[in-house]
Amino acid sequence: MCLIAFAHRAVSGAALVVAANRDELFERPTAAARFWEDHPSVLAGRDLRAGGTWMGVTRSGRFAAITNFRNPRDRRNDAPSRGALVGDFLTGTESPQRYLERLRPRAKDYNGFSVLVATPEAMWFYSNSNDALLPVEPGVHALSNHVLDEPWPKVRKAREGVRALLGTPLQPEQLFDMLADETTAPDEELPDTGIGLERERKASAMRIRDPFYGTRCSTVLIVRGTSVIFQERSFTADGGTAGTVRYEFAIEPAGAPS
């Protein structure tokens, strides 16, 4: 996943609002979001090659999402799957801080990543690129393939887009419209992450339309009180819509039966 814009306790009545795009190779096998058969409280898509996920939520209100830290020079082919880190948090019971503190000593085993983990009580951020471990303050934030709120053009645009919508009767379709923006940034605003100018241009759009590597799905999560709306829209390699799934449920107390 390459863009996560979210409002964390930024507006009365909505504890968490998330709008996210997952960018990935279209040839990588993926299952659309659903409640997992092996962990029935977990709602998430699934990477069918490594078994992990990029973003999910549970019936008890645990949330996690991860992005790759873009640094191709340091990528190792023998590193374990980063998607397992999201799944491990969602299926566990530790607090966000404790989970990340336990992850920290082995974080360099993985290729570069930045991860968000949360419960209804708290949200924390960690990146193994600079060993940054910190609580996420209430407000509107965004994460792409760097650290939290790194001011890349798509990060700034996504934060502004979510912030502008918070004053309206928020509906998932408004966030999907924002995530569908394919406008690329001017060359002078592009970061240099080692992938070359042409790929930097493509990657600067919120939605990347490319038949080889592009936006595979858009996901919207809205938590109001104990009510959860989770909606995911998947795309084909030619840019068409492959399907949409929608779930609504009430957060259950931790330990309640699924």
C-alpha atoms as a PDB file:
ATOM      1  CA  MET A   1       0.000   0.000   0.000  1.00  0.00           C
ATOM      2  CA  CYS A   2       1.426   3.325  -1.001  1.00  0.00           C
ATOM      3  CA  LEU A   3      -0.898   5.970   0.364  1.00  0.00           C
ATOM      4  CA  ILE A   4      -2.779   6.131   3.663  1.00  0.00           C
ATOM      5  CA  ALA A   5      -4.552   9.362   4.574  1.00  0.00           C
ATOM      6  CA  PHE A   6      -6.362   9.363   7.893  1.00  0.00           C
ATOM      7  CA  ALA A   7      -8.031  11.462  10.542  1.00  0.00           C
ATOM      8  CA  HIS A   8      -7.256  10.217  14.044  1.00  0.00           C
ATOM      9  CA  ARG A   9      -9.595  11.697  16.646  1.00  0.00           C
ATOM     10  CA  ALA A  10      -9.684  14.852  14.546  1.00  0.00           C
ATOM     11  CA  VAL A  11     -13.422  15.442  14.528  1.00  0.00           C
ATOM     12  CA  SER A  12     -16.214  14.884  17.006  1.00  0.00           C
ATOM     13  CA  GLY A  13     -18.130  11.683  16.367  1.00  0.00           C
ATOM     14  CA  ALA A  14     -15.520   9.966  14.172  1.00  0.00           C
ATOM     15  CA  ALA A  15     -12.642   8.332  16.019  1.00  0.00           C
ATOM     16  CA  LEU A  16     -10.924   7.199  12.828  1.00  0.00           C
ATOM     17  CA  VAL A  17     -11.334   7.936   9.113  1.00  0.00           C
ATOM     18  CA  VAL A  18      -8.972   6.207   6.662  1.00  0.00           C
ATOM     19  CA  ALA A  19      -8.660   6.530   2.881  1.00  0.00           C
ATOM     20  CA  ALA A  20      -5.960   4.328   1.373  1.00  0.00           C
ATOM     21  CA  ASN A  21      -4.612   3.150  -1.968  1.00  0.00           C
ATOM     22  CA  ARG A  22      -2.640  -0.052  -2.301  1.00  0.00           C
ATOM     23  CA  ASP A  23      -0.110  -0.035  -5.149  1.00  0.00           C
ATOM     24  CA  GLU A  24       1.292  -3.413  -6.167  1.00  0.00           C
ATOM     25  CA  LEU A  25       2.245  -5.606  -9.109  1.00  0.00           C
ATOM     26  CA  PHE A  26      -0.913  -6.757 -10.857  1.00  0.00           C
ATOM     27  CA  GLU A  27       0.517 -10.247 -11.257  1.00  0.00           C
ATOM     28  CA  ARG A  28       0.766 -10.719  -7.476  1.00  0.00           C
ATOM     29  CA  PRO A  29      -2.178 -12.903  -6.361  1.00  0.00           C
ATOM     30  CA  THR A  30      -4.503 -11.126  -3.932  1.00  0.00           C
ATOM     31  CA  ALA A  31      -7.812 -11.866  -2.193  1.00  0.00           C
ATOM     32  CA  ALA A  32     -10.323  -9.065  -1.674  1.00  0.00           C
ATOM     33  CA  ALA A  33     -11.132  -7.987   1.865  1.00  0.00           C
ATOM     34  CA  ARG A  34     -13.253 -10.346   3.946  1.00  0.00           C
ATOM     35  CA  PHE A  35     -13.284 -11.841   7.426  1.00  0.00           C
ATOM     36  CA  TRP A  36     -10.513 -14.423   7.543  1.00  0.00           C
ATOM     37  CA  GLU A  37     -11.477 -18.072   7.964  1.00  0.00           C
ATOM     38  CA  ASP A  38      -8.467 -18.772  10.202  1.00  0.00           C
ATOM     39  CA  HIS A  39      -8.999 -15.583  12.275  1.00  0.00           C
ATOM     40  CA  PRO A  40     -12.725 -14.735  12.060  1.00  0.00           C
ATOM     41  CA  SER A  41     -12.390 -11.403  13.865  1.00  0.00           C
ATOM     42  CA  VAL A  42      -9.977 -10.007  11.233  1.00  0.00           C
ATOM     43  CA  LEU A  43     -11.342  -8.100   8.235  1.00  0.00           C
ATOM     44  CA  ALA A  44      -8.667  -7.501   5.597  1.00  0.00           C
ATOM     45  CA  GLY A  45      -7.519  -8.305   2.114  1.00  0.00           C
ATOM     46  CA  ARG A  46      -4.858 -10.960   1.791  1.00  0.00           C
ATOM     47  CA  ASP A  47      -1.636 -11.417  -0.126  1.00  0.00           C
ATOM     48  CA  LEU A  48      -2.002 -14.959  -1.463  1.00  0.00           C
ATOM     49  CA  ARG A  49       1.731 -15.311  -2.076  1.00  0.00           C
ATOM     50  CA  ALA A  50       3.020 -14.599   1.458  1.00  0.00           C
ATOM     51  CA  GLY A  51      -0.205 -14.765   3.492  1.00  0.00           C
ATOM     52  CA  GLY A  52      -0.066 -11.304   5.089  1.00  0.00           C
ATOM     53  CA  THR A  53      -2.004  -8.131   4.454  1.00  0.00           C
ATOM     54  CA  TRP A  54      -1.467  -4.412   3.915  1.00  0.00           C
ATOM     55  CA  MET A  55      -4.383  -3.056   5.971  1.00  0.00           C
ATOM     56  CA  GLY A  56      -7.121  -4.415   8.198  1.00  0.00           C
ATOM     57  CA  VAL A  57      -9.417  -3.959  11.154  1.00  0.00           C
ATOM     58  CA  THR A  58     -10.872  -6.353  13.714  1.00  0.00           C
ATOM     59  CA  ARG A  59     -14.235  -6.703  15.421  1.00  0.00           C
ATOM     60  CA  SER A  60     -12.638  -5.359  18.611  1.00  0.00           C
ATOM     61  CA  GLY A  61     -11.441  -2.212  16.815  1.00  0.00           C
ATOM     62  CA  ARG A  62      -7.766  -3.064  16.281  1.00  0.00           C
ATOM     63  CA  PHE A  63      -6.397  -1.418  13.127  1.00  0.00           C
ATOM     64  CA  ALA A  64      -3.107  -1.734  11.259  1.00  0.00           C
ATOM     65  CA  ALA A  65      -1.681  -0.671   7.898  1.00  0.00           C
ATOM     66  CA  ILE A  66       1.789  -0.752   6.346  1.00  0.00           C
ATOM     67  CA  THR A  67       3.656   0.862   3.467  1.00  0.00           C
ATOM     68  CA  ASN A  68       7.004  -0.036   1.970  1.00  0.00           C
ATOM     69  CA  PHE A  69       9.785   2.500   2.532  1.00  0.00           C
ATOM     70  CA  ARG A  70      11.008   3.274  -0.988  1.00  0.00           C
ATOM     71  CA  ASN A  71      14.745   2.654  -1.103  1.00  0.00           C
ATOM     72  CA  PRO A  72      15.559   0.166  -3.888  1.00  0.00           C
ATOM     73  CA  ARG A  73      19.291   0.199  -3.124  1.00  0.00           C
ATOM     74  CA  ASP A  74      18.711  -1.546   0.220  1.00  0.00           C
ATOM     75  CA  ARG A  75      16.124  -4.096  -0.874  1.00  0.00           C
ATOM     76  CA  ARG A  76      16.935  -7.747  -0.051  1.00  0.00           C
ATOM     77  CA  ASN A  77      15.256 -10.679  -1.788  1.00  0.00           C
ATOM     78  CA  ASP A  78      15.640 -12.927   1.276  1.00  0.00           C
ATOM     79  CA  ALA A  79      13.811 -10.627   3.722  1.00  0.00           C
ATOM     80  CA  PRO A  80      10.578 -11.878   5.346  1.00  0.00           C
ATOM     81  CA  SER A  81       7.218 -10.521   4.209  1.00  0.00           C
ATOM     82  CA  ARG A  82       6.290  -7.166   5.724  1.00  0.00           C
ATOM     83  CA  GLY A  83       2.604  -7.988   5.402  1.00  0.00           C
ATOM     84  CA  ALA A  84       2.974 -10.455   8.251  1.00  0.00           C
ATOM     85  CA  LEU A  85       3.547  -7.523  10.616  1.00  0.00           C
ATOM     86  CA  VAL A  86       0.005  -6.238  10.022  1.00  0.00           C
ATOM     87  CA  GLY A  87      -1.493  -9.685  10.452  1.00  0.00           C
ATOM     88  CA  ASP A  88       0.474 -10.312  13.653  1.00  0.00           C
ATOM     89  CA  PHE A  89      -0.887  -7.154  15.255  1.00  0.00           C
ATOM     90  CA  LEU A  90      -4.470  -7.754  14.142  1.00  0.00           C
ATOM     91  CA  THR A  91      -4.500 -11.300  15.486  1.00  0.00           C
ATOM     92  CA  GLY A  92      -2.744 -10.359  18.741  1.00  0.00           C
ATOM     93  CA  THR A  93      -3.768  -8.662  21.960  1.00  0.00           C
ATOM     94  CA  GLU A  94      -0.817  -6.394  22.792  1.00  0.00           C
ATOM     95  CA  SER A  95      -1.147  -2.614  22.986  1.00  0.00           C
ATOM     96  CA  PRO A  96       0.198  -0.707  19.966  1.00  0.00           C
ATOM     97  CA  GLN A  97       3.207   0.565  21.907  1.00  0.00           C
ATOM     98  CA  ARG A  98       4.081  -2.847  23.334  1.00  0.00           C
ATOM     99  CA  TYR A  99       3.729  -4.554  19.955  1.00  0.00           C
ATOM    100  CA  LEU A 100       6.097  -2.101  18.266  1.00  0.00           C
ATOM    101  CA  GLU A 101       8.598  -2.229  21.130  1.00  0.00           C
ATOM    102  CA  ARG A 102       8.706  -5.996  20.741  1.00  0.00           C
ATOM    103  CA  LEU A 103       9.099  -5.674  16.959  1.00  0.00           C
ATOM    104  CA  ARG A 104      11.864  -3.080  17.167  1.00  0.00           C
ATOM    105  CA  PRO A 105      14.868  -5.383  17.876  1.00  0.00           C
ATOM    106  CA  ARG A 106      14.153  -7.485  14.767  1.00  0.00           C
ATOM    107  CA  ALA A 107      12.839  -4.727  12.499  1.00  0.00           C
ATOM    108  CA  LYS A 108      16.004  -4.612  10.386  1.00  0.00           C
ATOM    109  CA  ASP A 109      15.345  -8.198   9.292  1.00  0.00           C
ATOM    110  CA  TYR A 110      12.692  -6.721   6.978  1.00  0.00           C
ATOM    111  CA  ASN A 111      12.999  -4.513   3.952  1.00  0.00           C
ATOM    112  CA  GLY A 112      12.117  -0.891   4.672  1.00  0.00           C
ATOM    113  CA  PHE A 113       8.637  -0.263   6.031  1.00  0.00           C
ATOM    114  CA  SER A 114       6.469   2.202   7.916  1.00  0.00           C
ATOM    115  CA  VAL A 115       3.562   0.839   9.952  1.00  0.00           C
ATOM    116  CA  LEU A 116       0.548   2.201  11.810  1.00  0.00           C
ATOM    117  CA  VAL A 117      -1.048   0.160  14.597  1.00  0.00           C
ATOM    118  CA  ALA A 118      -4.032   1.184  16.711  1.00  0.00           C
ATOM    119  CA  THR A 119      -6.680   0.162  19.178  1.00  0.00           C
ATOM    120  CA  PRO A 120      -9.718   2.254  20.140  1.00  0.00           C
ATOM    121  CA  GLU A 121      -7.509   3.748  22.881  1.00  0.00           C
ATOM    122  CA  ALA A 122      -4.300   4.702  21.012  1.00  0.00           C
ATOM    123  CA  MET A 123      -2.434   4.797  17.691  1.00  0.00           C
ATOM    124  CA  TRP A 124       1.331   4.406  17.208  1.00  0.00           C
ATOM    125  CA  PHE A 125       3.720   4.698  14.251  1.00  0.00           C
ATOM    126  CA  TYR A 126       7.020   2.956  13.584  1.00  0.00           C
ATOM    127  CA  SER A 127       9.488   2.942  10.678  1.00  0.00           C
ATOM    128  CA  ASN A 128      12.565   0.732  10.529  1.00  0.00           C
ATOM    129  CA  SER A 129      14.149   3.204   8.099  1.00  0.00           C
ATOM    130  CA  ASN A 130      15.114   5.553  10.935  1.00  0.00           C
ATOM    131  CA  ASP A 131      13.910   3.591  13.993  1.00  0.00           C
ATOM    132  CA  ALA A 132      11.199   6.218  14.589  1.00  0.00           C
ATOM    133  CA  LEU A 133       8.707   5.018  17.221  1.00  0.00           C
ATOM    134  CA  LEU A 134       6.074   7.512  18.324  1.00  0.00           C
ATOM    135  CA  PRO A 135       2.433   7.940  19.309  1.00  0.00           C
ATOM    136  CA  VAL A 136       0.249   9.466  16.599  1.00  0.00           C
ATOM    137  CA  GLU A 137      -1.206  12.747  17.780  1.00  0.00           C
ATOM    138  CA  PRO A 138      -4.882  13.539  17.127  1.00  0.00           C
ATOM    139  CA  GLY A 139      -5.255  15.220  13.748  1.00  0.00           C
ATOM    140  CA  VAL A 140      -5.108  14.569  10.004  1.00  0.00           C
ATOM    141  CA  HIS A 141      -2.069  12.678   8.754  1.00  0.00           C
ATOM    142  CA  ALA A 142      -0.854  10.831   5.665  1.00  0.00           C
ATOM    143  CA  LEU A 143       1.728   8.178   4.925  1.00  0.00           C
ATOM    144  CA  SER A 144       3.237   7.111   1.616  1.00  0.00           C
ATOM    145  CA  ASN A 145       6.474   5.243   0.957  1.00  0.00           C
ATOM    146  CA  HIS A 146       8.468   7.218   3.509  1.00  0.00           C
ATOM    147  CA  VAL A 147       7.845   8.289   7.117  1.00  0.00           C
ATOM    148  CA  LEU A 148       4.640   9.738   8.535  1.00  0.00           C
ATOM    149  CA  ASP A 149       3.654  13.128   7.060  1.00  0.00           C
ATOM    150  CA  GLU A 150       6.714  13.345   4.806  1.00  0.00           C
ATOM    151  CA  PRO A 151       5.669  16.316   2.614  1.00  0.00           C
ATOM    152  CA  TRP A 152       5.603  14.583  -0.766  1.00  0.00           C
ATOM    153  CA  PRO A 153       3.025  16.142  -3.151  1.00  0.00           C
ATOM    154  CA  LYS A 154       0.578  13.205  -2.871  1.00  0.00           C
ATOM    155  CA  VAL A 155       0.890  13.206   0.932  1.00  0.00           C
ATOM    156  CA  ARG A 156       0.101  16.914   1.175  1.00  0.00           C
ATOM    157  CA  LYS A 157      -2.809  16.575  -1.269  1.00  0.00           C
ATOM    158  CA  ALA A 158      -4.265  13.592   0.585  1.00  0.00           C
ATOM    159  CA  ARG A 159      -4.071  15.344   3.958  1.00  0.00           C
ATOM    160  CA  GLU A 160      -5.757  18.420   2.527  1.00  0.00           C
ATOM    161  CA  GLY A 161      -8.425  16.287   0.880  1.00  0.00           C
ATOM    162  CA  VAL A 162      -9.345  14.462   4.080  1.00  0.00           C
ATOM    163  CA  ARG A 163      -9.254  17.673   6.114  1.00  0.00           C
ATOM    164  CA  ALA A 164     -11.643  19.375   3.662  1.00  0.00           C
ATOM    165  CA  LEU A 165     -14.145  16.512   3.916  1.00  0.00           C
ATOM    166  CA  LEU A 166     -14.280  16.376   7.700  1.00  0.00           C
ATOM    167  CA  GLY A 167     -16.678  19.306   7.860  1.00  0.00           C
ATOM    168  CA  THR A 168     -19.230  17.515   5.654  1.00  0.00           C
ATOM    169  CA  PRO A 169     -21.630  14.605   6.323  1.00  0.00           C
ATOM    170  CA  LEU A 170     -18.842  12.170   5.450  1.00  0.00           C
ATOM    171  CA  GLN A 171     -19.647   9.315   3.087  1.00  0.00           C
ATOM    172  CA  PRO A 172     -17.279   6.658   1.648  1.00  0.00           C
ATOM    173  CA  GLU A 173     -17.862   7.804  -1.940  1.00  0.00           C
ATOM    174  CA  GLN A 174     -16.348  11.212  -1.178  1.00  0.00           C
ATOM    175  CA  LEU A 175     -13.144   9.527  -0.046  1.00  0.00           C
ATOM    176  CA  PHE A 176     -13.117   7.189  -3.051  1.00  0.00           C
ATOM    177  CA  ASP A 177     -13.397  10.220  -5.340  1.00  0.00           C
ATOM    178  CA  MET A 178     -10.378  11.764  -3.619  1.00  0.00           C
ATOM    179  CA  LEU A 179      -8.362   8.545  -3.950  1.00  0.00           C
ATOM    180  CA  ALA A 180      -9.142   8.367  -7.691  1.00  0.00           C
ATOM    181  CA  ASP A 181      -7.090  11.490  -8.482  1.00  0.00           C
ATOM    182  CA  GLU A 182      -4.539  10.579 -11.175  1.00  0.00           C
ATOM    183  CA  THR A 183      -2.904  14.018 -11.396  1.00  0.00           C
ATOM    184  CA  THR A 184       0.876  13.831 -11.284  1.00  0.00           C
ATOM    185  CA  ALA A 185       3.070  16.386  -9.531  1.00  0.00           C
ATOM    186  CA  PRO A 186       5.378  18.872 -11.287  1.00  0.00           C
ATOM    187  CA  ASP A 187       8.908  17.550 -11.750  1.00  0.00           C
ATOM    188  CA  GLU A 188      10.400  20.186  -9.462  1.00  0.00           C
ATOM    189  CA  GLU A 189       8.298  18.856  -6.542  1.00  0.00           C
ATOM    190  CA  LEU A 190       9.187  15.195  -6.978  1.00  0.00           C
ATOM    191  CA  PRO A 191      11.337  13.374  -4.420  1.00  0.00           C
ATOM    192  CA  ASP A 192      14.380  11.420  -5.547  1.00  0.00           C
ATOM    193  CA  THR A 193      14.016   7.929  -4.096  1.00  0.00           C
ATOM    194  CA  GLY A 194      16.231   6.113  -6.559  1.00  0.00           C
ATOM    195  CA  ILE A 195      13.607   4.848  -9.034  1.00  0.00           C
ATOM    196  CA  GLY A 196      14.227   7.321 -11.856  1.00  0.00           C
ATOM    197  CA  LEU A 197      12.316  10.390 -12.997  1.00  0.00           C
ATOM    198  CA  GLU A 198       9.652   8.632 -15.090  1.00  0.00           C
ATOM    199  CA  ARG A 199       8.649   6.305 -12.260  1.00  0.00           C
ATOM    200  CA  GLU A 200       8.734   9.185  -9.766  1.00  0.00           C
ATOM    201  CA  ARG A 201       6.247  11.009 -11.991  1.00  0.00           C
ATOM    202  CA  LYS A 202       3.872   8.033 -12.085  1.00  0.00           C
ATOM    203  CA  ALA A 203       4.216   7.396  -8.372  1.00  0.00           C
ATOM    204  CA  SER A 204       3.351  11.010  -7.521  1.00  0.00           C
ATOM    205  CA  ALA A 205      -0.326  10.467  -8.397  1.00  0.00           C
ATOM    206  CA  MET A 206      -2.695   9.363  -5.663  1.00  0.00           C
ATOM    207  CA  ARG A 207      -4.027   6.671  -7.982  1.00  0.00           C
ATOM    208  CA  ILE A 208      -1.437   5.072 -10.247  1.00  0.00           C
ATOM    209  CA  ARG A 209      -2.883   3.718 -13.491  1.00  0.00           C
ATOM    210  CA  ASP A 210      -0.400   1.284 -15.014  1.00  0.00           C
ATOM    211  CA  PRO A 211      -0.914  -2.252 -16.384  1.00  0.00           C
ATOM    212  CA  PHE A 212       2.216  -3.611 -14.680  1.00  0.00           C
ATOM    213  CA  TYR A 213       2.419  -1.880 -11.285  1.00  0.00           C
ATOM    214  CA  GLY A 214      -0.379   0.378 -10.161  1.00  0.00           C
ATOM    215  CA  THR A 215      -3.204   0.957  -7.725  1.00  0.00           C
ATOM    216  CA  ARG A 216      -4.775  -2.439  -7.071  1.00  0.00           C
ATOM    217  CA  CYS A 217      -7.460  -1.251  -4.657  1.00  0.00           C
ATOM    218  CA  SER A 218      -8.817   1.714  -2.720  1.00  0.00           C
ATOM    219  CA  THR A 219     -10.079   1.244   0.828  1.00  0.00           C
ATOM    220  CA  VAL A 220     -12.192   3.457   3.069  1.00  0.00           C
ATOM    221  CA  LEU A 221     -12.642   2.909   6.799  1.00  0.00           C
ATOM    222  CA  ILE A 222     -14.898   5.057   8.980  1.00  0.00           C
ATOM    223  CA  VAL A 223     -15.248   4.466  12.718  1.00  0.00           C
ATOM    224  CA  ARG A 224     -18.018   6.442  14.408  1.00  0.00           C
ATOM    225  CA  GLY A 225     -18.463   5.518  18.066  1.00  0.00           C
ATOM    226  CA  THR A 226     -18.675   1.721  17.967  1.00  0.00           C
ATOM    227  CA  SER A 227     -19.907   1.624  14.346  1.00  0.00           C
ATOM    228  CA  VAL A 228     -17.487   0.544  11.616  1.00  0.00           C
ATOM    229  CA  ILE A 229     -17.868   0.969   7.851  1.00  0.00           C
ATOM    230  CA  PHE A 230     -15.214  -0.776   5.725  1.00  0.00           C
ATOM    231  CA  GLN A 231     -15.398  -0.574   1.946  1.00  0.00           C
ATOM    232  CA  GLU A 232     -12.851  -1.740  -0.623  1.00  0.00           C
ATOM    233  CA  ARG A 233     -12.852  -1.163  -4.392  1.00  0.00           C
ATOM    234  CA  SER A 234     -10.528  -3.317  -6.511  1.00  0.00           C
ATOM    235  CA  PHE A 235      -9.167  -2.481  -9.952  1.00  0.00           C
ATOM    236  CA  THR A 236      -8.022  -4.430 -12.987  1.00  0.00           C
ATOM    237  CA  ALA A 237      -4.743  -3.900 -14.814  1.00  0.00           C
ATOM    238  CA  ASP A 238      -6.522  -1.920 -17.549  1.00  0.00           C
ATOM    239  CA  GLY A 239      -7.954   0.510 -14.976  1.00  0.00           C
ATOM    240  CA  GLY A 240     -11.463  -0.920 -14.718  1.00  0.00           C
ATOM    241  CA  THR A 241     -13.277  -1.737 -11.496  1.00  0.00           C
ATOM    242  CA  ALA A 242     -12.987  -5.410 -10.574  1.00  0.00           C
ATOM    243  CA  GLY A 243     -15.447  -5.270  -7.690  1.00  0.00           C
ATOM    244  CA  THR A 244     -16.448  -3.623  -4.432  1.00  0.00           C
ATOM    245  CA  VAL A 245     -16.977  -5.144  -0.991  1.00  0.00           C
ATOM    246  CA  ARG A 246     -18.643  -3.391   1.944  1.00  0.00           C
ATOM    247  CA  TYR A 247     -18.917  -4.401   5.594  1.00  0.00           C
ATOM    248  CA  GLU A 248     -20.622  -2.720   8.505  1.00  0.00           C
ATOM    249  CA  PHE A 249     -20.400  -3.949  12.089  1.00  0.00           C
ATOM    250  CA  ALA A 250     -20.296  -2.807  15.693  1.00  0.00           C
ATOM    251  CA  ILE A 251     -17.061  -2.935  17.669  1.00  0.00           C
ATOM    252  CA  GLU A 252     -17.171  -5.706  20.244  1.00  0.00           C
ATOM    253  CA  PRO A 253     -15.405  -5.608  23.604  1.00  0.00           C
ATOM    254  CA  ALA A 254     -11.994  -7.326  23.456  1.00  0.00           C
ATOM    255  CA  GLY A 255     -12.432 -11.003  24.188  1.00  0.00           C
ATOM    256  CA  ALA A 256     -16.072 -11.132  23.085  1.00  0.00           C
ATOM    257  CA  PRO A 257     -16.996 -14.115  20.897  1.00  0.00           C
ATOM    258  CA  SER A 258     -16.894 -13.487  17.131  1.00  0.00           C
END
